[in-house]
Amino acid sequence: MLSTPPVVLRFPFQGRWTAENSPANRVPSHGTYLLGTTFAIDFIAVDERGRSAKHGWRSVLATEPPELFAGFGAPILAPASGTVVAAVDGELDHEARRSQLALIPYALSQARRVREGVRAIAGNHVVIALQPAGPFVLIAHLQRGSVSVAVGSVVMVGENIGSCGNSGNSTQPHVHVQVTDSTAWPTARGGPIVFERPQVNGGNWLPRNGEAFTAA
């Protein structure tokens, strides 16, 4: 898939968001080719001041309830039309970790999550097959109990599929999007993606790290 044209997706949310770990800045975007994440991108909802959540003593010294974050519970929409081939719910939403102190034990447990497989990494997630043989779009880190589609469901672009959560390999509520050539995750290869640009400018677009934008 590395030589194929980018898959054009629609942003899977509305409102104000910021891009992180964008392949517009580097490839592989998450520092690894593992689990087809080569061209994956993350999105964090922010308020009018560009904050994912207000800062306080917990953001400096401890963990934080995910409910404090702008994105937690935000509706997540299908970024493309297709057939649902995986729908996982029931994984816990973790406490958020913006504190460097709280991130230390989390970093030390990263290898264990990788060994445990896709549920430990993606948390609650949905995979949409754009065609029977792919490509496949993964939308990850959804809120527990929010997944509203099932395997075999045919979804249309813009249809609600769940809510933003903090499940899986996630340090604060956000949405992870990637495209792969397979759902055999140990050998899946990631493919490039672009998004329909907000109507004010038209065309397709891939936001860079830290770039904030409003999705209609």
N, C-alpha and C. Protein backbone atom coordinates (compact mmCIF):
# COMPACT_ATOMS: atom_id res chain seq x y z
N MET A 1 0.80 -1.21 0.00
CA MET A 1 0.00 0.00 0.00
C MET A 1 0.84 1.26 0.00
N LEU A 2 2.12 1.15 0.27
CA LEU A 2 2.94 2.34 0.43
C LEU A 2 3.00 3.16 -0.85
N SER A 3 2.81 2.54 -2.02
CA SER A 3 2.91 3.27 -3.28
C SER A 3 1.55 3.69 -3.81
N THR A 4 0.47 3.40 -3.09
CA THR A 4 -0.86 3.73 -3.56
C THR A 4 -1.20 5.18 -3.23
N PRO A 5 -2.13 5.78 -3.97
CA PRO A 5 -2.56 7.16 -3.65
C PRO A 5 -3.21 7.20 -2.26
N PRO A 6 -3.18 8.35 -1.62
CA PRO A 6 -3.81 8.45 -0.28
C PRO A 6 -5.31 8.17 -0.35
N VAL A 7 -5.82 7.54 0.69
CA VAL A 7 -7.25 7.35 0.84
C VAL A 7 -7.84 8.65 1.38
N VAL A 8 -8.89 9.14 0.73
CA VAL A 8 -9.52 10.39 1.14
C VAL A 8 -10.62 10.09 2.16
N LEU A 9 -10.49 10.67 3.35
CA LEU A 9 -11.45 10.47 4.43
C LEU A 9 -12.09 11.80 4.82
N ARG A 10 -13.19 11.71 5.53
CA ARG A 10 -13.79 12.89 6.14
C ARG A 10 -13.42 12.90 7.62
N PHE A 11 -13.21 14.07 8.19
CA PHE A 11 -12.92 14.11 9.63
C PHE A 11 -14.04 13.44 10.41
N PRO A 12 -13.68 12.58 11.37
CA PRO A 12 -14.70 11.81 12.08
C PRO A 12 -15.32 12.53 13.28
N PHE A 13 -15.44 13.82 13.19
CA PHE A 13 -15.97 14.62 14.30
C PHE A 13 -16.33 16.00 13.79
N GLN A 14 -16.94 16.78 14.67
CA GLN A 14 -17.19 18.19 14.40
C GLN A 14 -16.59 19.01 15.52
N GLY A 15 -16.42 20.31 15.28
CA GLY A 15 -15.89 21.18 16.31
C GLY A 15 -14.40 21.43 16.17
N ARG A 16 -13.79 21.91 17.25
CA ARG A 16 -12.40 22.34 17.27
C ARG A 16 -11.50 21.21 17.75
N TRP A 17 -10.51 20.85 16.93
CA TRP A 17 -9.59 19.76 17.24
C TRP A 17 -8.17 20.15 16.85
N THR A 18 -7.21 19.42 17.40
CA THR A 18 -5.79 19.61 17.09
C THR A 18 -5.20 18.27 16.64
N ALA A 19 -4.36 18.31 15.62
CA ALA A 19 -3.70 17.10 15.12
C ALA A 19 -2.43 16.81 15.92
N GLU A 20 -2.17 15.55 16.18
CA GLU A 20 -0.95 15.09 16.84
C GLU A 20 -0.45 13.84 16.13
N ASN A 21 0.86 13.59 16.23
CA ASN A 21 1.47 12.41 15.59
C ASN A 21 1.06 12.32 14.13
N SER A 22 1.19 13.42 13.43
CA SER A 22 0.73 13.47 12.04
C SER A 22 1.80 12.97 11.07
N PRO A 23 1.41 12.18 10.07
CA PRO A 23 2.36 11.78 9.04
C PRO A 23 2.76 12.93 8.12
N ALA A 24 2.12 14.09 8.27
CA ALA A 24 2.58 15.28 7.55
C ALA A 24 3.93 15.75 8.08
N ASN A 25 4.27 15.36 9.31
CA ASN A 25 5.54 15.75 9.92
C ASN A 25 6.61 14.68 9.81
N ARG A 26 6.20 13.40 9.93
CA ARG A 26 7.18 12.32 9.83
C ARG A 26 6.45 11.02 9.53
N VAL A 27 7.18 10.11 8.91
CA VAL A 27 6.70 8.76 8.64
C VAL A 27 7.81 7.79 9.06
N PRO A 28 7.52 6.80 9.93
CA PRO A 28 6.22 6.49 10.50
C PRO A 28 5.79 7.51 11.55
N SER A 29 4.52 7.87 11.51
CA SER A 29 4.03 8.98 12.32
C SER A 29 4.09 8.71 13.82
N HIS A 30 3.93 7.44 14.22
CA HIS A 30 3.96 7.09 15.63
C HIS A 30 5.30 6.45 16.02
N GLY A 31 6.29 6.59 15.15
CA GLY A 31 7.62 6.07 15.44
C GLY A 31 7.78 4.58 15.20
N THR A 32 6.78 3.93 14.60
CA THR A 32 6.85 2.50 14.37
C THR A 32 5.95 2.13 13.19
N TYR A 33 6.27 0.99 12.58
CA TYR A 33 5.41 0.43 11.54
C TYR A 33 4.46 -0.63 12.12
N LEU A 34 4.59 -0.87 13.42
CA LEU A 34 3.83 -1.93 14.09
C LEU A 34 2.33 -1.70 13.96
N LEU A 35 1.58 -2.78 13.72
CA LEU A 35 0.11 -2.77 13.68
C LEU A 35 -0.44 -1.82 12.62
N GLY A 36 0.33 -1.59 11.56
CA GLY A 36 -0.15 -0.76 10.47
C GLY A 36 -0.25 0.71 10.78
N THR A 37 0.51 1.20 11.75
CA THR A 37 0.40 2.59 12.20
C THR A 37 1.27 3.57 11.41
N THR A 38 1.85 3.13 10.32
CA THR A 38 2.82 3.95 9.58
C THR A 38 2.33 5.37 9.31
N PHE A 39 1.08 5.51 8.84
CA PHE A 39 0.54 6.81 8.47
C PHE A 39 -0.62 7.23 9.37
N ALA A 40 -0.68 6.67 10.57
CA ALA A 40 -1.78 6.98 11.50
C ALA A 40 -1.70 8.43 11.97
N ILE A 41 -2.84 8.96 12.41
CA ILE A 41 -2.89 10.32 12.93
C ILE A 41 -3.83 10.35 14.13
N ASP A 42 -3.52 11.23 15.09
CA ASP A 42 -4.35 11.41 16.28
C ASP A 42 -4.97 12.80 16.27
N PHE A 43 -6.16 12.90 16.88
CA PHE A 43 -6.85 14.18 16.99
C PHE A 43 -7.34 14.37 18.43
N ILE A 44 -7.07 15.56 18.98
CA ILE A 44 -7.47 15.90 20.34
C ILE A 44 -8.42 17.09 20.28
N ALA A 45 -9.59 16.97 20.90
CA ALA A 45 -10.54 18.09 20.94
C ALA A 45 -10.01 19.17 21.88
N VAL A 46 -10.19 20.42 21.51
CA VAL A 46 -9.72 21.54 22.34
C VAL A 46 -10.83 22.58 22.49
N ASP A 47 -10.70 23.40 23.53
CA ASP A 47 -11.67 24.46 23.76
C ASP A 47 -11.25 25.71 23.00
N GLU A 48 -11.96 26.83 23.25
CA GLU A 48 -11.69 28.06 22.50
C GLU A 48 -10.31 28.63 22.80
N ARG A 49 -9.68 28.19 23.88
CA ARG A 49 -8.32 28.63 24.22
C ARG A 49 -7.26 27.62 23.79
N GLY A 50 -7.68 26.59 23.06
CA GLY A 50 -6.75 25.60 22.56
C GLY A 50 -6.33 24.56 23.58
N ARG A 51 -7.11 24.41 24.66
CA ARG A 51 -6.77 23.45 25.72
C ARG A 51 -7.64 22.21 25.61
N SER A 52 -7.03 21.05 25.81
CA SER A 52 -7.83 19.82 25.86
C SER A 52 -8.60 19.72 27.17
N ALA A 53 -8.08 20.36 28.22
CA ALA A 53 -8.74 20.45 29.52
C ALA A 53 -8.08 21.57 30.30
N LYS A 54 -8.78 22.10 31.28
CA LYS A 54 -8.20 23.13 32.13
C LYS A 54 -7.02 22.55 32.90
N HIS A 55 -6.05 23.40 33.19
CA HIS A 55 -4.88 22.96 33.96
C HIS A 55 -5.12 23.18 35.45
N GLY A 56 -4.61 22.28 36.26
CA GLY A 56 -4.70 22.37 37.71
C GLY A 56 -3.60 21.54 38.32
N TRP A 57 -3.68 21.33 39.61
CA TRP A 57 -2.59 20.60 40.27
C TRP A 57 -2.49 19.16 39.76
N ARG A 58 -3.64 18.55 39.40
CA ARG A 58 -3.61 17.18 38.93
C ARG A 58 -2.91 17.05 37.58
N SER A 59 -3.02 18.07 36.73
CA SER A 59 -2.35 18.02 35.43
C SER A 59 -0.83 18.10 35.56
N VAL A 60 -0.36 18.53 36.73
CA VAL A 60 1.08 18.65 36.98
C VAL A 60 1.61 17.46 37.77
N LEU A 61 0.78 16.93 38.69
CA LEU A 61 1.30 15.96 39.64
C LEU A 61 0.64 14.59 39.61
N ALA A 62 -0.51 14.46 38.98
CA ALA A 62 -1.26 13.22 39.12
C ALA A 62 -2.03 12.89 37.84
N THR A 63 -2.85 11.87 37.93
CA THR A 63 -3.75 11.54 36.84
C THR A 63 -5.01 12.41 36.93
N GLU A 64 -5.81 12.41 35.84
CA GLU A 64 -7.00 13.25 35.79
C GLU A 64 -8.18 12.44 35.26
N PRO A 65 -9.39 12.69 35.76
CA PRO A 65 -10.56 11.99 35.23
C PRO A 65 -10.76 12.35 33.76
N PRO A 66 -11.03 11.38 32.90
CA PRO A 66 -11.20 11.70 31.47
C PRO A 66 -12.39 12.62 31.21
N GLU A 67 -13.37 12.62 32.12
CA GLU A 67 -14.56 13.45 31.94
C GLU A 67 -14.24 14.94 31.94
N LEU A 68 -13.06 15.33 32.43
CA LEU A 68 -12.68 16.74 32.46
C LEU A 68 -12.26 17.27 31.09
N PHE A 69 -12.07 16.39 30.11
CA PHE A 69 -11.49 16.77 28.83
C PHE A 69 -12.56 17.12 27.81
N ALA A 70 -12.23 18.10 26.96
CA ALA A 70 -13.19 18.62 25.99
C ALA A 70 -13.70 17.52 25.07
N GLY A 71 -12.85 16.56 24.73
CA GLY A 71 -13.24 15.56 23.75
C GLY A 71 -14.01 14.39 24.30
N PHE A 72 -13.94 14.16 25.60
CA PHE A 72 -14.52 12.93 26.16
C PHE A 72 -16.04 12.93 25.94
N GLY A 73 -16.51 11.90 25.26
CA GLY A 73 -17.93 11.78 24.96
C GLY A 73 -18.38 12.46 23.69
N ALA A 74 -17.46 13.14 22.98
CA ALA A 74 -17.83 13.80 21.73
C ALA A 74 -18.23 12.76 20.69
N PRO A 75 -19.27 13.03 19.90
CA PRO A 75 -19.69 12.06 18.87
C PRO A 75 -18.59 11.82 17.85
N ILE A 76 -18.39 10.56 17.51
CA ILE A 76 -17.41 10.18 16.49
C ILE A 76 -18.18 9.60 15.31
N LEU A 77 -17.82 10.05 14.12
CA LEU A 77 -18.56 9.76 12.90
C LEU A 77 -17.72 8.89 11.96
N ALA A 78 -18.40 8.12 11.14
CA ALA A 78 -17.69 7.30 10.16
C ALA A 78 -16.94 8.20 9.19
N PRO A 79 -15.63 8.03 9.03
CA PRO A 79 -14.86 8.86 8.11
C PRO A 79 -15.01 8.47 6.65
N ALA A 80 -15.69 7.35 6.39
CA ALA A 80 -15.92 6.87 5.03
C ALA A 80 -17.07 5.87 5.08
N SER A 81 -17.66 5.62 3.93
CA SER A 81 -18.72 4.62 3.83
C SER A 81 -18.12 3.24 3.64
N GLY A 82 -18.75 2.23 4.18
CA GLY A 82 -18.27 0.86 4.02
C GLY A 82 -18.97 -0.09 4.95
N THR A 83 -18.35 -1.24 5.16
CA THR A 83 -18.91 -2.30 6.00
C THR A 83 -18.05 -2.49 7.24
N VAL A 84 -18.69 -2.54 8.38
CA VAL A 84 -17.97 -2.72 9.64
C VAL A 84 -17.48 -4.17 9.73
N VAL A 85 -16.17 -4.33 9.91
CA VAL A 85 -15.58 -5.67 10.02
C VAL A 85 -15.03 -5.93 11.42
N ALA A 86 -14.99 -4.91 12.27
CA ALA A 86 -14.62 -5.09 13.68
C ALA A 86 -15.28 -3.98 14.48
N ALA A 87 -15.81 -4.34 15.63
CA ALA A 87 -16.44 -3.37 16.53
C ALA A 87 -16.20 -3.86 17.95
N VAL A 88 -15.32 -3.21 18.67
CA VAL A 88 -14.94 -3.63 20.02
C VAL A 88 -15.40 -2.59 21.02
N ASP A 89 -16.09 -3.03 22.05
CA ASP A 89 -16.56 -2.16 23.12
C ASP A 89 -16.23 -2.85 24.44
N GLY A 90 -16.40 -2.14 25.55
CA GLY A 90 -16.21 -2.77 26.85
C GLY A 90 -14.87 -2.53 27.50
N GLU A 91 -13.89 -2.00 26.75
CA GLU A 91 -12.59 -1.69 27.36
C GLU A 91 -12.73 -0.44 28.24
N LEU A 92 -12.03 -0.41 29.34
CA LEU A 92 -12.13 0.70 30.29
C LEU A 92 -11.57 2.00 29.72
N ASP A 93 -12.16 3.11 30.13
CA ASP A 93 -11.57 4.42 29.87
C ASP A 93 -10.64 4.74 31.03
N HIS A 94 -9.36 4.94 30.72
CA HIS A 94 -8.36 5.16 31.75
C HIS A 94 -8.39 6.60 32.27
N GLU A 95 -7.78 6.79 33.43
CA GLU A 95 -7.45 8.13 33.88
C GLU A 95 -6.50 8.76 32.87
N ALA A 96 -6.64 10.06 32.66
CA ALA A 96 -5.75 10.77 31.73
C ALA A 96 -4.43 11.10 32.43
N ARG A 97 -3.37 11.26 31.62
CA ARG A 97 -2.03 11.49 32.16
C ARG A 97 -1.34 12.60 31.37
N ARG A 98 -1.46 13.83 31.82
CA ARG A 98 -0.66 14.92 31.25
C ARG A 98 0.58 15.20 32.09
N SER A 99 0.55 14.78 33.35
CA SER A 99 1.67 14.97 34.25
C SER A 99 2.85 14.11 33.85
N GLN A 100 4.03 14.68 33.82
CA GLN A 100 5.23 13.90 33.52
C GLN A 100 5.45 12.80 34.56
N LEU A 101 5.09 13.08 35.82
CA LEU A 101 5.23 12.07 36.86
C LEU A 101 4.30 10.89 36.59
N ALA A 102 3.07 11.18 36.19
CA ALA A 102 2.11 10.12 35.92
C ALA A 102 2.45 9.34 34.66
N LEU A 103 3.19 9.96 33.75
CA LEU A 103 3.54 9.30 32.51
C LEU A 103 4.65 8.25 32.67
N ILE A 104 5.43 8.35 33.74
CA ILE A 104 6.55 7.42 33.92
C ILE A 104 6.07 5.97 34.05
N PRO A 105 5.16 5.66 34.98
CA PRO A 105 4.70 4.26 35.06
C PRO A 105 3.96 3.82 33.81
N TYR A 106 3.29 4.75 33.16
CA TYR A 106 2.58 4.42 31.92
C TYR A 106 3.58 4.00 30.84
N ALA A 107 4.67 4.75 30.70
CA ALA A 107 5.69 4.41 29.70
C ALA A 107 6.32 3.05 29.99
N LEU A 108 6.49 2.74 31.25
CA LEU A 108 7.10 1.46 31.62
C LEU A 108 6.19 0.27 31.32
N SER A 109 4.88 0.52 31.17
CA SER A 109 3.94 -0.57 30.88
C SER A 109 3.63 -0.69 29.39
N GLN A 110 4.29 0.11 28.55
CA GLN A 110 4.00 0.12 27.13
C GLN A 110 4.27 -1.23 26.47
N ALA A 111 5.39 -1.85 26.79
CA ALA A 111 5.75 -3.13 26.18
C ALA A 111 4.69 -4.19 26.50
N ARG A 112 4.15 -4.17 27.70
CA ARG A 112 3.11 -5.13 28.06
C ARG A 112 1.87 -4.95 27.20
N ARG A 113 1.47 -3.70 26.94
CA ARG A 113 0.29 -3.47 26.12
C ARG A 113 0.50 -3.98 24.69
N VAL A 114 1.69 -3.79 24.17
CA VAL A 114 1.98 -4.28 22.82
C VAL A 114 1.87 -5.79 22.78
N ARG A 115 2.38 -6.47 23.80
CA ARG A 115 2.29 -7.93 23.85
C ARG A 115 0.84 -8.40 23.94
N GLU A 116 -0.01 -7.64 24.58
CA GLU A 116 -1.41 -8.04 24.77
C GLU A 116 -2.23 -7.90 23.51
N GLY A 117 -1.75 -7.14 22.52
CA GLY A 117 -2.43 -7.10 21.23
C GLY A 117 -3.29 -5.89 20.99
N VAL A 118 -4.12 -5.99 19.93
CA VAL A 118 -4.79 -4.81 19.41
C VAL A 118 -5.79 -4.21 20.39
N ARG A 119 -6.47 -5.01 21.19
CA ARG A 119 -7.43 -4.45 22.13
C ARG A 119 -6.74 -3.57 23.16
N ALA A 120 -5.56 -3.99 23.62
CA ALA A 120 -4.83 -3.21 24.61
C ALA A 120 -4.29 -1.92 24.01
N ILE A 121 -4.04 -1.91 22.70
CA ILE A 121 -3.52 -0.73 22.03
C ILE A 121 -4.64 0.17 21.53
N ALA A 122 -5.60 -0.38 20.80
CA ALA A 122 -6.67 0.42 20.20
C ALA A 122 -7.83 0.68 21.16
N GLY A 123 -7.95 -0.12 22.21
CA GLY A 123 -9.08 0.02 23.10
C GLY A 123 -10.38 -0.27 22.36
N ASN A 124 -11.42 0.46 22.70
CA ASN A 124 -12.67 0.32 21.97
C ASN A 124 -12.49 0.93 20.59
N HIS A 125 -12.85 0.18 19.56
CA HIS A 125 -12.56 0.66 18.21
C HIS A 125 -13.52 0.07 17.18
N VAL A 126 -13.53 0.70 16.03
CA VAL A 126 -14.33 0.26 14.89
C VAL A 126 -13.41 0.19 13.68
N VAL A 127 -13.57 -0.85 12.87
CA VAL A 127 -12.85 -0.97 11.60
C VAL A 127 -13.87 -1.04 10.48
N ILE A 128 -13.70 -0.19 9.47
CA ILE A 128 -14.60 -0.13 8.33
C ILE A 128 -13.84 -0.56 7.08
N ALA A 129 -14.38 -1.56 6.37
CA ALA A 129 -13.81 -1.98 5.09
C ALA A 129 -14.43 -1.11 3.99
N LEU A 130 -13.59 -0.40 3.25
CA LEU A 130 -14.11 0.45 2.17
C LEU A 130 -14.53 -0.39 0.97
N GLN A 131 -13.85 -1.52 0.78
CA GLN A 131 -14.21 -2.54 -0.20
C GLN A 131 -14.02 -3.89 0.50
N PRO A 132 -14.60 -4.97 -0.04
CA PRO A 132 -14.47 -6.26 0.65
C PRO A 132 -13.04 -6.66 0.98
N ALA A 133 -12.12 -6.36 0.08
CA ALA A 133 -10.71 -6.70 0.32
C ALA A 133 -9.89 -5.52 0.83
N GLY A 134 -10.56 -4.47 1.28
CA GLY A 134 -9.86 -3.30 1.78
C GLY A 134 -9.76 -2.20 0.75
N PRO A 135 -9.19 -1.09 1.15
CA PRO A 135 -8.52 -0.82 2.41
C PRO A 135 -9.48 -0.74 3.60
N PHE A 136 -8.88 -0.76 4.80
CA PHE A 136 -9.62 -0.78 6.05
C PHE A 136 -9.27 0.46 6.86
N VAL A 137 -10.30 1.08 7.44
CA VAL A 137 -10.10 2.28 8.26
C VAL A 137 -10.37 1.92 9.71
N LEU A 138 -9.38 2.18 10.57
CA LEU A 138 -9.50 1.94 12.01
C LEU A 138 -9.72 3.26 12.71
N ILE A 139 -10.75 3.31 13.57
CA ILE A 139 -11.01 4.47 14.43
C ILE A 139 -10.93 3.96 15.86
N ALA A 140 -9.97 4.47 16.64
CA ALA A 140 -9.63 3.85 17.92
C ALA A 140 -9.79 4.80 19.10
N HIS A 141 -9.77 4.19 20.32
CA HIS A 141 -9.83 4.85 21.62
C HIS A 141 -11.22 5.41 21.94
N LEU A 142 -12.26 4.69 21.51
CA LEU A 142 -13.62 5.14 21.74
C LEU A 142 -14.03 4.92 23.20
N GLN A 143 -15.07 5.65 23.59
CA GLN A 143 -15.58 5.57 24.96
C GLN A 143 -16.29 4.25 25.21
N ARG A 144 -16.05 3.70 26.39
CA ARG A 144 -16.68 2.44 26.75
C ARG A 144 -18.21 2.57 26.71
N GLY A 145 -18.86 1.61 26.08
CA GLY A 145 -20.31 1.61 26.00
C GLY A 145 -20.89 2.49 24.92
N SER A 146 -20.04 3.12 24.11
CA SER A 146 -20.55 4.07 23.12
C SER A 146 -20.64 3.52 21.71
N VAL A 147 -19.96 2.41 21.43
CA VAL A 147 -19.91 1.90 20.05
C VAL A 147 -21.32 1.54 19.60
N SER A 148 -21.76 2.16 18.50
CA SER A 148 -23.16 2.05 18.08
C SER A 148 -23.35 1.23 16.80
N VAL A 149 -22.29 0.56 16.35
CA VAL A 149 -22.37 -0.27 15.15
C VAL A 149 -21.88 -1.68 15.49
N ALA A 150 -22.21 -2.63 14.64
CA ALA A 150 -21.82 -4.02 14.85
C ALA A 150 -21.18 -4.55 13.59
N VAL A 151 -20.44 -5.65 13.74
CA VAL A 151 -19.84 -6.29 12.59
C VAL A 151 -20.93 -6.65 11.58
N GLY A 152 -20.70 -6.28 10.32
CA GLY A 152 -21.68 -6.50 9.27
C GLY A 152 -22.52 -5.29 8.96
N SER A 153 -22.52 -4.29 9.85
CA SER A 153 -23.28 -3.07 9.58
C SER A 153 -22.69 -2.33 8.39
N VAL A 154 -23.56 -1.83 7.54
CA VAL A 154 -23.13 -0.95 6.45
C VAL A 154 -23.33 0.48 6.93
N VAL A 155 -22.25 1.25 6.95
CA VAL A 155 -22.32 2.62 7.45
C VAL A 155 -22.04 3.60 6.31
N MET A 156 -22.63 4.75 6.43
CA MET A 156 -22.41 5.83 5.48
C MET A 156 -21.51 6.87 6.11
N VAL A 157 -20.71 7.55 5.30
CA VAL A 157 -19.83 8.59 5.81
C VAL A 157 -20.65 9.60 6.60
N GLY A 158 -20.15 9.98 7.78
CA GLY A 158 -20.84 10.93 8.64
C GLY A 158 -21.78 10.30 9.64
N GLU A 159 -22.00 8.99 9.56
CA GLU A 159 -22.90 8.29 10.49
C GLU A 159 -22.21 8.11 11.83
N ASN A 160 -22.96 8.28 12.92
CA ASN A 160 -22.39 8.11 14.25
C ASN A 160 -21.98 6.66 14.48
N ILE A 161 -20.75 6.46 14.98
CA ILE A 161 -20.28 5.11 15.27
C ILE A 161 -19.87 4.94 16.73
N GLY A 162 -19.82 6.03 17.49
CA GLY A 162 -19.42 5.95 18.90
C GLY A 162 -19.09 7.32 19.44
N SER A 163 -18.34 7.33 20.54
CA SER A 163 -17.95 8.59 21.18
C SER A 163 -16.46 8.55 21.51
N CYS A 164 -15.86 9.71 21.56
CA CYS A 164 -14.44 9.83 21.90
C CYS A 164 -14.22 9.38 23.34
N GLY A 165 -13.23 8.53 23.53
CA GLY A 165 -12.93 8.03 24.86
C GLY A 165 -11.44 8.07 25.17
N ASN A 166 -11.07 7.29 26.18
CA ASN A 166 -9.66 7.22 26.58
C ASN A 166 -9.29 5.76 26.86
N SER A 167 -9.74 4.87 25.99
CA SER A 167 -9.47 3.44 26.15
C SER A 167 -8.23 3.04 25.36
N GLY A 168 -7.65 1.92 25.74
CA GLY A 168 -6.47 1.43 25.04
C GLY A 168 -5.23 2.22 25.38
N ASN A 169 -4.33 2.33 24.41
CA ASN A 169 -3.04 3.01 24.59
C ASN A 169 -3.24 4.50 24.42
N SER A 170 -3.76 5.16 25.44
CA SER A 170 -4.17 6.55 25.33
C SER A 170 -3.88 7.28 26.63
N THR A 171 -3.23 8.44 26.54
CA THR A 171 -2.91 9.21 27.73
C THR A 171 -3.89 10.34 28.00
N GLN A 172 -4.71 10.69 27.00
CA GLN A 172 -5.81 11.61 27.22
C GLN A 172 -6.85 11.36 26.13
N PRO A 173 -8.12 11.72 26.35
CA PRO A 173 -9.14 11.44 25.35
C PRO A 173 -8.76 11.99 23.98
N HIS A 174 -8.79 11.11 22.98
CA HIS A 174 -8.47 11.51 21.61
C HIS A 174 -8.98 10.43 20.65
N VAL A 175 -8.87 10.72 19.37
CA VAL A 175 -9.29 9.78 18.33
C VAL A 175 -8.08 9.46 17.45
N HIS A 176 -7.88 8.20 17.20
CA HIS A 176 -6.79 7.70 16.36
C HIS A 176 -7.39 7.15 15.08
N VAL A 177 -6.84 7.56 13.93
CA VAL A 177 -7.34 7.10 12.63
C VAL A 177 -6.17 6.57 11.81
N GLN A 178 -6.37 5.40 11.19
CA GLN A 178 -5.36 4.86 10.29
C GLN A 178 -6.02 4.01 9.22
N VAL A 179 -5.30 3.82 8.13
CA VAL A 179 -5.75 2.97 7.02
C VAL A 179 -4.73 1.85 6.84
N THR A 180 -5.22 0.62 6.64
CA THR A 180 -4.33 -0.51 6.42
C THR A 180 -4.83 -1.37 5.26
N ASP A 181 -3.97 -2.25 4.82
CA ASP A 181 -4.33 -3.18 3.74
C ASP A 181 -4.92 -4.47 4.26
N SER A 182 -4.99 -4.62 5.60
CA SER A 182 -5.42 -5.88 6.20
C SER A 182 -5.84 -5.63 7.64
N THR A 183 -6.61 -6.56 8.19
CA THR A 183 -6.90 -6.53 9.62
C THR A 183 -6.15 -7.64 10.36
N ALA A 184 -5.20 -8.27 9.68
CA ALA A 184 -4.27 -9.18 10.34
C ALA A 184 -3.16 -8.29 10.90
N TRP A 185 -3.39 -7.77 12.10
CA TRP A 185 -2.60 -6.66 12.61
C TRP A 185 -1.10 -6.90 12.70
N PRO A 186 -0.63 -8.08 13.03
CA PRO A 186 0.83 -8.25 13.10
C PRO A 186 1.54 -8.01 11.77
N THR A 187 0.84 -8.21 10.64
CA THR A 187 1.47 -8.03 9.33
C THR A 187 0.84 -6.93 8.50
N ALA A 188 -0.17 -6.24 9.03
CA ALA A 188 -0.87 -5.19 8.28
C ALA A 188 0.09 -4.06 7.92
N ARG A 189 -0.09 -3.52 6.72
CA ARG A 189 0.72 -2.39 6.26
C ARG A 189 -0.15 -1.14 6.21
N GLY A 190 0.38 -0.06 6.75
CA GLY A 190 -0.36 1.19 6.76
C GLY A 190 -0.33 1.87 5.40
N GLY A 191 -1.41 2.59 5.09
CA GLY A 191 -1.50 3.35 3.85
C GLY A 191 -1.69 4.83 4.12
N PRO A 192 -1.27 5.70 3.21
CA PRO A 192 -1.39 7.15 3.40
C PRO A 192 -2.84 7.61 3.35
N ILE A 193 -3.13 8.69 4.06
CA ILE A 193 -4.47 9.25 4.10
C ILE A 193 -4.42 10.77 3.96
N VAL A 194 -5.50 11.34 3.47
CA VAL A 194 -5.74 12.78 3.51
C VAL A 194 -7.20 12.97 3.89
N PHE A 195 -7.53 14.19 4.28
CA PHE A 195 -8.90 14.50 4.70
C PHE A 195 -9.48 15.58 3.82
N GLU A 196 -10.81 15.49 3.66
CA GLU A 196 -11.50 16.57 2.97
C GLU A 196 -11.28 17.86 3.74
N ARG A 197 -10.78 18.86 3.05
CA ARG A 197 -10.45 20.12 3.72
C ARG A 197 -11.73 20.88 4.07
N PRO A 198 -11.73 21.57 5.23
CA PRO A 198 -12.89 22.40 5.55
C PRO A 198 -13.30 23.26 4.36
N GLN A 199 -14.59 23.43 4.17
CA GLN A 199 -15.14 24.02 2.96
C GLN A 199 -14.59 25.41 2.63
N VAL A 200 -14.08 26.10 3.62
CA VAL A 200 -13.59 27.45 3.36
C VAL A 200 -12.47 27.46 2.33
N ASN A 201 -11.69 26.36 2.25
CA ASN A 201 -10.57 26.33 1.32
C ASN A 201 -10.72 25.28 0.22
N GLY A 202 -11.50 24.25 0.48
CA GLY A 202 -11.68 23.20 -0.51
C GLY A 202 -10.45 22.31 -0.65
N GLY A 203 -10.58 21.26 -1.45
CA GLY A 203 -9.46 20.34 -1.70
C GLY A 203 -9.26 19.38 -0.55
N ASN A 204 -8.18 18.59 -0.62
CA ASN A 204 -7.84 17.63 0.42
C ASN A 204 -6.64 18.13 1.22
N TRP A 205 -6.47 17.57 2.42
CA TRP A 205 -5.56 18.20 3.37
C TRP A 205 -5.12 17.21 4.43
N LEU A 206 -3.90 17.36 4.93
CA LEU A 206 -3.41 16.59 6.06
C LEU A 206 -2.81 17.56 7.07
N PRO A 207 -3.50 17.82 8.18
CA PRO A 207 -2.97 18.78 9.17
C PRO A 207 -1.66 18.31 9.78
N ARG A 208 -0.84 19.26 10.16
CA ARG A 208 0.45 18.97 10.76
C ARG A 208 0.31 18.94 12.29
N ASN A 209 1.36 18.45 12.96
CA ASN A 209 1.35 18.38 14.42
C ASN A 209 1.06 19.74 15.02
N GLY A 210 0.13 19.76 15.98
CA GLY A 210 -0.18 20.99 16.68
C GLY A 210 -1.09 21.94 15.92
N GLU A 211 -1.50 21.56 14.72
CA GLU A 211 -2.35 22.43 13.93
C GLU A 211 -3.80 22.28 14.36
N ALA A 212 -4.40 23.38 14.78
CA ALA A 212 -5.79 23.38 15.22
C ALA A 212 -6.70 23.79 14.06
N PHE A 213 -7.89 23.21 14.04
CA PHE A 213 -8.82 23.51 12.95
C PHE A 213 -10.23 23.19 13.44
N THR A 214 -11.20 23.69 12.70
CA THR A 214 -12.61 23.41 13.01
C THR A 214 -13.19 22.55 11.91
N ALA A 215 -13.75 21.42 12.30
CA ALA A 215 -14.39 20.51 11.36
C ALA A 215 -15.89 20.77 11.38
N ALA A 216 -16.46 20.95 10.21
CA ALA A 216 -17.90 21.23 10.13
C ALA A 216 -18.71 19.95 10.23
